[in-house]
Amino acid sequence: MHNFLRTSLLALAVSALAGCSLLYDYAQDAALAQCASVANGQDRRDCEKRNGPSYDDYEARRQRLQDGKPG
């Protein structure tokens, strides 16, 4: 699980640096696929919630944080 998180964070960082929603969506799909393999229902829902925001939602939140506004 630790390697998965590291890989997900790396993919997210690459997509942020590249400014490419395609990379973000790919990493998000991979993360959600990993969530599907979690046996415990609550843990699976928590995983899906953490990995669920669309690129547009992510970008809007990132912009608000850069502007010093609460996320």
Protein backbone atom coordinates (compact mmCIF):
# COMPACT_ATOMS: atom_id res chain seq x y z
CA MET A 1 0.00 0.00 0.00
CA HIS A 2 2.91 2.35 0.78
CA ASN A 3 4.32 1.94 -2.76
CA PHE A 4 0.87 2.57 -4.22
CA LEU A 5 0.56 5.82 -2.27
CA ARG A 6 4.04 6.90 -3.34
CA THR A 7 3.24 6.09 -6.97
CA SER A 8 -0.07 7.94 -6.76
CA LEU A 9 1.56 11.02 -5.27
CA LEU A 10 4.26 10.94 -7.92
CA ALA A 11 1.67 10.66 -10.69
CA LEU A 12 -0.29 13.52 -9.16
CA ALA A 13 2.84 15.68 -8.94
CA VAL A 14 3.76 14.91 -12.54
CA SER A 15 0.27 15.79 -13.71
CA ALA A 16 0.33 19.05 -11.74
CA LEU A 17 3.69 20.00 -13.19
CA ALA A 18 2.65 19.05 -16.69
CA GLY A 19 -0.71 20.76 -16.29
CA CYS A 20 -2.30 17.79 -17.98
CA SER A 21 -5.68 16.51 -16.94
CA LEU A 22 -5.08 13.31 -18.89
CA LEU A 23 -2.27 12.26 -16.55
CA TYR A 24 -4.35 13.20 -13.52
CA ASP A 25 -7.30 11.18 -14.79
CA TYR A 26 -5.05 8.19 -15.49
CA ALA A 27 -3.59 8.28 -11.99
CA GLN A 28 -7.05 8.76 -10.51
CA ASP A 29 -8.40 5.74 -12.41
CA ALA A 30 -5.48 3.63 -11.17
CA ALA A 31 -6.10 4.76 -7.59
CA LEU A 32 -9.82 4.02 -7.81
CA ALA A 33 -9.07 0.58 -9.24
CA GLN A 34 -6.86 -0.05 -6.22
CA CYS A 35 -9.72 1.10 -3.95
CA ALA A 36 -11.98 -1.52 -5.51
CA SER A 37 -9.71 -4.26 -4.17
CA VAL A 38 -10.13 -3.13 -0.55
CA ALA A 39 -12.31 -5.70 1.21
CA ASN A 40 -13.65 -3.56 4.06
CA GLY A 41 -16.59 -1.47 2.82
CA GLN A 42 -15.85 1.62 4.94
CA ASP A 43 -12.15 1.56 4.05
CA ARG A 44 -13.08 1.21 0.36
CA ARG A 45 -15.45 4.22 0.53
CA ASP A 46 -12.79 6.26 2.35
CA CYS A 47 -10.27 5.36 -0.35
CA GLU A 48 -12.72 6.32 -3.10
CA LYS A 49 -13.47 9.62 -1.40
CA ARG A 50 -9.75 10.47 -1.12
CA ASN A 51 -9.17 9.62 -4.77
CA GLY A 52 -12.42 10.89 -6.25
CA PRO A 53 -12.12 14.58 -7.12
CA SER A 54 -12.14 15.37 -10.83
CA TYR A 55 -9.26 17.28 -12.36
CA ASP A 56 -11.39 20.43 -12.54
CA ASP A 57 -12.24 20.15 -8.82
CA TYR A 58 -8.59 19.49 -8.00
CA GLU A 59 -7.46 22.48 -10.07
CA ALA A 60 -10.05 24.82 -8.52
CA ARG A 61 -9.00 23.76 -5.00
CA ARG A 62 -5.33 24.14 -5.87
CA GLN A 63 -5.96 27.65 -7.20
CA ARG A 64 -7.88 28.65 -4.06
CA LEU A 65 -5.02 27.40 -1.89
CA GLN A 66 -2.50 29.34 -3.96
CA ASP A 67 -4.62 32.45 -3.54
CA GLY A 68 -4.54 31.93 0.24
CA LYS A 69 -8.20 31.00 0.52
CA PRO A 70 -9.38 27.96 2.51
CA GLY A 71 -9.70 24.75 0.53
